């Protein structure tokens, strides 16, 4: 169905952009197309809400990794030699190569606090 409003031919559903610029065009639309426009507006609103950052559920921070030397400086009780000797038993230690280890800072903190409670 097509209508002529203010000298312009209207065919089908109006875009949200057209409605924003010329809200008077809605007056010439049949009720079924106005209902479809409401549905489209609700869908756009939901999509925009999904894109907004949610302060209740923030994005996780990237995991930080430490070298054995950095671990020794931060935690004097944990020695470099201990990390290398127990690298297969410690879930927060990643063996990069024979001589290189990386230690997850978050994993180390939780492991260390659990050990301190004993």
C-alpha atoms as a PDB file:
ATOM      1  CA  UNK A   1       0.000   0.000   0.000  1.00  0.00           C
ATOM      2  CA  UNK A   2       1.325   3.469  -0.738  1.00  0.00           C
ATOM      3  CA  UNK A   3       0.154   6.873   0.448  1.00  0.00           C
ATOM      4  CA  UNK A   4       0.990  10.451  -0.444  1.00  0.00           C
ATOM      5  CA  UNK A   5       1.690  12.711   2.572  1.00  0.00           C
ATOM      6  CA  UNK A   6       2.885  16.292   2.060  1.00  0.00           C
ATOM      7  CA  UNK A   7       3.581  15.565  -1.581  1.00  0.00           C
ATOM      8  CA  UNK A   8       5.816  12.544  -0.790  1.00  0.00           C
ATOM      9  CA  UNK A   9       5.028   8.966  -1.693  1.00  0.00           C
ATOM     10  CA  UNK A  10       5.058   6.645   1.331  1.00  0.00           C
ATOM     11  CA  UNK A  11       5.468   2.950   0.602  1.00  0.00           C
ATOM     12  CA  UNK A  12       5.707   0.306   3.287  1.00  0.00           C
ATOM     13  CA  UNK A  13       7.312   0.669   6.659  1.00  0.00           C
ATOM     14  CA  UNK A  14       9.026   3.938   7.496  1.00  0.00           C
ATOM     15  CA  UNK A  15      12.603   3.780   8.677  1.00  0.00           C
ATOM     16  CA  UNK A  16      13.385   4.962  12.174  1.00  0.00           C
ATOM     17  CA  UNK A  17      15.534   7.665  10.650  1.00  0.00           C
ATOM     18  CA  UNK A  18      12.591   8.947   8.567  1.00  0.00           C
ATOM     19  CA  UNK A  19      10.337   8.968  11.627  1.00  0.00           C
ATOM     20  CA  UNK A  20      12.898  10.955  13.590  1.00  0.00           C
ATOM     21  CA  UNK A  21      13.202  13.594  10.867  1.00  0.00           C
ATOM     22  CA  UNK A  22       9.500  13.682   9.871  1.00  0.00           C
ATOM     23  CA  UNK A  23       7.217  12.379  12.657  1.00  0.00           C
ATOM     24  CA  UNK A  24       4.197  13.742  10.776  1.00  0.00           C
ATOM     25  CA  UNK A  25       4.607  10.908   8.244  1.00  0.00           C
ATOM     26  CA  UNK A  26       3.292   8.467  10.854  1.00  0.00           C
ATOM     27  CA  UNK A  27      -0.150  10.088  10.622  1.00  0.00           C
ATOM     28  CA  UNK A  28      -0.625   8.666   7.133  1.00  0.00           C
ATOM     29  CA  UNK A  29       0.449   5.138   8.036  1.00  0.00           C
ATOM     30  CA  UNK A  30      -2.142   2.374   8.544  1.00  0.00           C
ATOM     31  CA  UNK A  31      -2.413   0.887  12.082  1.00  0.00           C
ATOM     32  CA  UNK A  32      -0.706  -2.364  11.042  1.00  0.00           C
ATOM     33  CA  UNK A  33       2.407  -0.507   9.874  1.00  0.00           C
ATOM     34  CA  UNK A  34       2.442   1.626  13.030  1.00  0.00           C
ATOM     35  CA  UNK A  35       2.378  -1.619  15.057  1.00  0.00           C
ATOM     36  CA  UNK A  36       5.311  -2.936  13.000  1.00  0.00           C
ATOM     37  CA  UNK A  37       7.152   0.325  13.629  1.00  0.00           C
ATOM     38  CA  UNK A  38       6.616  -0.105  17.381  1.00  0.00           C
ATOM     39  CA  UNK A  39       8.048  -3.626  17.176  1.00  0.00           C
ATOM     40  CA  UNK A  40      11.066  -2.332  15.247  1.00  0.00           C
ATOM     41  CA  UNK A  41      11.592   0.402  17.865  1.00  0.00           C
ATOM     42  CA  UNK A  42      11.459  -2.166  20.664  1.00  0.00           C
ATOM     43  CA  UNK A  43      13.985  -4.371  18.836  1.00  0.00           C
ATOM     44  CA  UNK A  44      16.357  -1.437  18.335  1.00  0.00           C
ATOM     45  CA  UNK A  45      15.965  -0.432  21.980  1.00  0.00           C
ATOM     46  CA  UNK A  46      16.780  -3.979  23.131  1.00  0.00           C
ATOM     47  CA  UNK A  47      19.822  -4.140  20.848  1.00  0.00           C
ATOM     48  CA  UNK A  48      21.110  -0.818  22.186  1.00  0.00           C
ATOM     49  CA  UNK A  49      20.567  -1.944  25.781  1.00  0.00           C
ATOM     50  CA  UNK A  50      22.560  -5.118  25.092  1.00  0.00           C
ATOM     51  CA  UNK A  51      25.480  -3.050  23.788  1.00  0.00           C
ATOM     52  CA  UNK A  52      25.663  -0.782  26.842  1.00  0.00           C
ATOM     53  CA  UNK A  53      28.228  -1.750  29.468  1.00  0.00           C
ATOM     54  CA  UNK A  54      26.544  -3.245  32.491  1.00  0.00           C
ATOM     55  CA  UNK A  55      28.108  -1.957  35.745  1.00  0.00           C
ATOM     56  CA  UNK A  56      26.741  -4.983  37.617  1.00  0.00           C
ATOM     57  CA  UNK A  57      28.633  -7.333  35.284  1.00  0.00           C
ATOM     58  CA  UNK A  58      31.873  -5.610  34.204  1.00  0.00           C
ATOM     59  CA  UNK A  59      34.163  -7.133  31.635  1.00  0.00           C
ATOM     60  CA  UNK A  60      36.880  -9.273  33.209  1.00  0.00           C
ATOM     61  CA  UNK A  61      40.279  -7.688  33.408  1.00  0.00           C
ATOM     62  CA  UNK A  62      43.011  -9.376  31.398  1.00  0.00           C
ATOM     63  CA  UNK A  63      45.037 -11.811  33.439  1.00  0.00           C
ATOM     64  CA  UNK A  64      48.473 -10.582  34.455  1.00  0.00           C
ATOM     65  CA  UNK A  65      51.459 -12.905  34.392  1.00  0.00           C
ATOM     66  CA  UNK A  66      54.628 -12.673  36.461  1.00  0.00           C
ATOM     67  CA  UNK A  67      58.113 -14.044  35.927  1.00  0.00           C
ATOM     68  CA  UNK A  68      59.669 -16.122  38.736  1.00  0.00           C
ATOM     69  CA  UNK A  69      61.907 -13.151  39.582  1.00  0.00           C
ATOM     70  CA  UNK A  70      58.891 -10.894  40.038  1.00  0.00           C
ATOM     71  CA  UNK A  71      57.236 -13.539  42.233  1.00  0.00           C
ATOM     72  CA  UNK A  72      60.349 -13.679  44.428  1.00  0.00           C
ATOM     73  CA  UNK A  73      60.275  -9.913  44.890  1.00  0.00           C
ATOM     74  CA  UNK A  74      56.549  -9.796  45.698  1.00  0.00           C
ATOM     75  CA  UNK A  75      56.466 -12.976  47.802  1.00  0.00           C
ATOM     76  CA  UNK A  76      59.838 -13.522  49.504  1.00  0.00           C
ATOM     77  CA  UNK A  77      58.639 -16.866  50.907  1.00  0.00           C
ATOM     78  CA  UNK A  78      58.283 -18.307  47.388  1.00  0.00           C
ATOM     79  CA  UNK A  79      61.613 -19.035  45.741  1.00  0.00           C
ATOM     80  CA  UNK A  80      62.351 -19.326  42.042  1.00  0.00           C
ATOM     81  CA  UNK A  81      63.713 -22.816  42.556  1.00  0.00           C
ATOM     82  CA  UNK A  82      60.416 -23.896  44.220  1.00  0.00           C
ATOM     83  CA  UNK A  83      58.398 -22.692  41.214  1.00  0.00           C
ATOM     84  CA  UNK A  84      60.564 -24.611  38.758  1.00  0.00           C
ATOM     85  CA  UNK A  85      60.585 -27.760  40.904  1.00  0.00           C
ATOM     86  CA  UNK A  86      56.788 -27.742  41.367  1.00  0.00           C
ATOM     87  CA  UNK A  87      55.646 -26.259  38.058  1.00  0.00           C
ATOM     88  CA  UNK A  88      53.679 -29.370  37.092  1.00  0.00           C
ATOM     89  CA  UNK A  89      51.767 -29.414  40.389  1.00  0.00           C
ATOM     90  CA  UNK A  90      50.909 -25.713  40.597  1.00  0.00           C
ATOM     91  CA  UNK A  91      47.861 -24.907  38.409  1.00  0.00           C
ATOM     92  CA  UNK A  92      48.728 -21.192  38.161  1.00  0.00           C
ATOM     93  CA  UNK A  93      52.182 -21.809  36.637  1.00  0.00           C
ATOM     94  CA  UNK A  94      52.612 -22.087  32.854  1.00  0.00           C
ATOM     95  CA  UNK A  95      55.705 -23.764  31.517  1.00  0.00           C
ATOM     96  CA  UNK A  96      56.690 -21.766  28.421  1.00  0.00           C
ATOM     97  CA  UNK A  97      59.970 -23.574  27.815  1.00  0.00           C
ATOM     98  CA  UNK A  98      62.589 -25.490  29.776  1.00  0.00           C
ATOM     99  CA  UNK A  99      63.987 -22.268  31.262  1.00  0.00           C
ATOM    100  CA  UNK A 100      60.960 -19.952  31.162  1.00  0.00           C
ATOM    101  CA  UNK A 101      57.912 -19.953  33.450  1.00  0.00           C
ATOM    102  CA  UNK A 102      55.001 -17.574  33.782  1.00  0.00           C
ATOM    103  CA  UNK A 103      52.930 -17.333  36.957  1.00  0.00           C
ATOM    104  CA  UNK A 104      49.328 -16.133  37.020  1.00  0.00           C
ATOM    105  CA  UNK A 105      49.154 -13.318  39.557  1.00  0.00           C
ATOM    106  CA  UNK A 106      45.506 -14.005  40.460  1.00  0.00           C
ATOM    107  CA  UNK A 107      46.155 -17.740  40.847  1.00  0.00           C
ATOM    108  CA  UNK A 108      49.247 -17.123  42.934  1.00  0.00           C
ATOM    109  CA  UNK A 109      47.384 -14.736  45.256  1.00  0.00           C
ATOM    110  CA  UNK A 110      44.526 -17.168  45.880  1.00  0.00           C
ATOM    111  CA  UNK A 111      46.941 -20.093  46.380  1.00  0.00           C
ATOM    112  CA  UNK A 112      49.139 -18.069  48.729  1.00  0.00           C
ATOM    113  CA  UNK A 113      46.216 -16.862  50.878  1.00  0.00           C
ATOM    114  CA  UNK A 114      44.882 -20.434  51.088  1.00  0.00           C
ATOM    115  CA  UNK A 115      48.313 -21.640  52.238  1.00  0.00           C
ATOM    116  CA  UNK A 116      48.587 -18.858  54.843  1.00  0.00           C
ATOM    117  CA  UNK A 117      45.339 -19.996  56.488  1.00  0.00           C
ATOM    118  CA  UNK A 118      46.769 -23.423  57.270  1.00  0.00           C
END
